[in-house]
Amino acid sequence: MRAVDDARIEHVIFDLLAARADGASICPSDVARALHDDERAWRALLPCVRDVAMQLARHRRLRFTRGAATLDPEAPGRGPIRLRLPARA
């Protein structure tokens, strides 16, 4: 069982993005840190944050990015990723 439920993680993702300028991104660790102060706890939460973000990306509610490139959330490759809202139509 997750220490923090998926709905709470999703809520924090969108709250953090709403607090940023249009087009800005956040790191998955920003989300985990917003949910836990303890380093061990937030690091343990990172896989859950990525799982929730992947589900949101599958539904086109979120994008995984590295630099200007949008990544496939199923195979983001190695290296840091950022979470960003989809471009507005």
Protein backbone atom coordinates (compact mmCIF):
# COMPACT_ATOMS: atom_id res chain seq x y z
CA MET A 1 0.00 0.00 0.00
CA ARG A 2 1.25 3.49 -0.85
CA ALA A 3 1.89 5.92 1.98
CA VAL A 4 0.25 8.62 -0.17
CA ASP A 5 -2.63 7.83 -2.50
CA ASP A 6 -2.58 8.51 -6.23
CA ALA A 7 -5.23 11.23 -6.00
CA ARG A 8 -3.09 13.19 -3.53
CA ILE A 9 -0.02 12.87 -5.77
CA GLU A 10 -2.05 14.06 -8.78
CA HIS A 11 -3.40 17.00 -6.79
CA VAL A 12 0.12 18.08 -5.78
CA ILE A 13 1.42 17.75 -9.36
CA PHE A 14 -1.26 20.10 -10.67
CA ASP A 15 -0.98 22.49 -7.70
CA LEU A 16 2.77 22.86 -8.24
CA LEU A 17 2.33 23.38 -11.99
CA ALA A 18 -0.42 25.95 -11.39
CA ALA A 19 1.95 27.91 -9.16
CA ARG A 20 4.52 28.15 -11.99
CA ALA A 21 4.55 30.39 -15.03
CA ASP A 22 2.79 29.15 -18.17
CA GLY A 23 4.97 26.57 -19.89
CA ALA A 24 7.12 25.95 -16.80
CA SER A 25 7.91 22.46 -15.58
CA ILE A 26 8.51 20.66 -12.32
CA CYS A 27 10.72 17.77 -11.32
CA PRO A 28 9.11 14.60 -9.91
CA SER A 29 11.23 15.21 -6.81
CA ASP A 30 9.44 18.56 -6.32
CA VAL A 31 6.22 16.60 -5.94
CA ALA A 32 7.72 14.03 -3.59
CA ARG A 33 9.28 16.77 -1.45
CA ALA A 34 5.95 18.58 -1.24
CA LEU A 35 4.45 15.40 0.19
CA HIS A 36 7.22 14.49 2.66
CA ASP A 37 9.87 16.50 4.51
CA ASP A 38 12.01 13.49 5.35
CA GLU A 39 14.53 12.70 2.59
CA ARG A 40 14.21 8.94 2.95
CA ALA A 41 10.42 9.19 2.71
CA TRP A 42 10.31 11.47 -0.33
CA ARG A 43 12.93 9.41 -2.16
CA ALA A 44 10.89 6.27 -1.50
CA LEU A 45 7.84 8.06 -2.93
CA LEU A 46 9.51 8.94 -6.26
CA PRO A 47 8.49 5.72 -8.08
CA CYS A 48 4.86 6.38 -7.08
CA VAL A 49 5.08 9.97 -8.34
CA ARG A 50 6.47 8.73 -11.66
CA ASP A 51 3.71 6.10 -11.93
CA VAL A 52 0.98 8.70 -11.39
CA ALA A 53 2.68 11.08 -13.83
CA MET A 54 2.88 8.28 -16.41
CA GLN A 55 -0.86 7.66 -16.09
CA LEU A 56 -1.56 11.37 -16.52
CA ALA A 57 0.69 11.45 -19.59
CA ARG A 58 -1.12 8.45 -21.08
CA HIS A 59 -4.33 10.47 -20.80
CA ARG A 60 -2.60 13.54 -22.29
CA ARG A 61 -3.06 15.57 -19.11
CA LEU A 62 0.70 15.89 -18.60
CA ARG A 63 3.92 15.69 -20.63
CA PHE A 64 7.28 14.19 -19.74
CA THR A 65 10.05 16.42 -21.07
CA ARG A 66 13.82 16.69 -21.18
CA GLY A 67 14.82 20.11 -22.38
CA ALA A 68 12.47 21.04 -25.21
CA ALA A 69 11.80 17.39 -26.17
CA THR A 70 8.61 15.59 -25.19
CA LEU A 71 9.41 12.05 -24.07
CA ASP A 72 7.43 8.85 -24.35
CA PRO A 73 6.28 8.31 -20.74
CA GLU A 74 6.48 4.55 -21.30
CA ALA A 75 10.18 4.81 -22.20
CA PRO A 76 11.61 8.15 -21.05
CA GLY A 77 15.17 6.87 -21.31
CA ARG A 78 17.93 7.70 -18.88
CA GLY A 79 18.46 11.08 -17.34
CA PRO A 80 16.38 13.69 -15.59
CA ILE A 81 12.80 14.28 -16.61
CA ARG A 82 10.46 17.20 -16.07
CA LEU A 83 6.68 17.27 -15.82
CA ARG A 84 4.85 19.88 -17.85
CA LEU A 85 1.27 20.63 -18.79
CA PRO A 86 0.31 19.89 -22.40
CA ALA A 87 0.45 22.78 -24.83
CA ARG A 88 -2.83 24.60 -25.11
CA ALA A 89 -4.65 24.18 -28.40
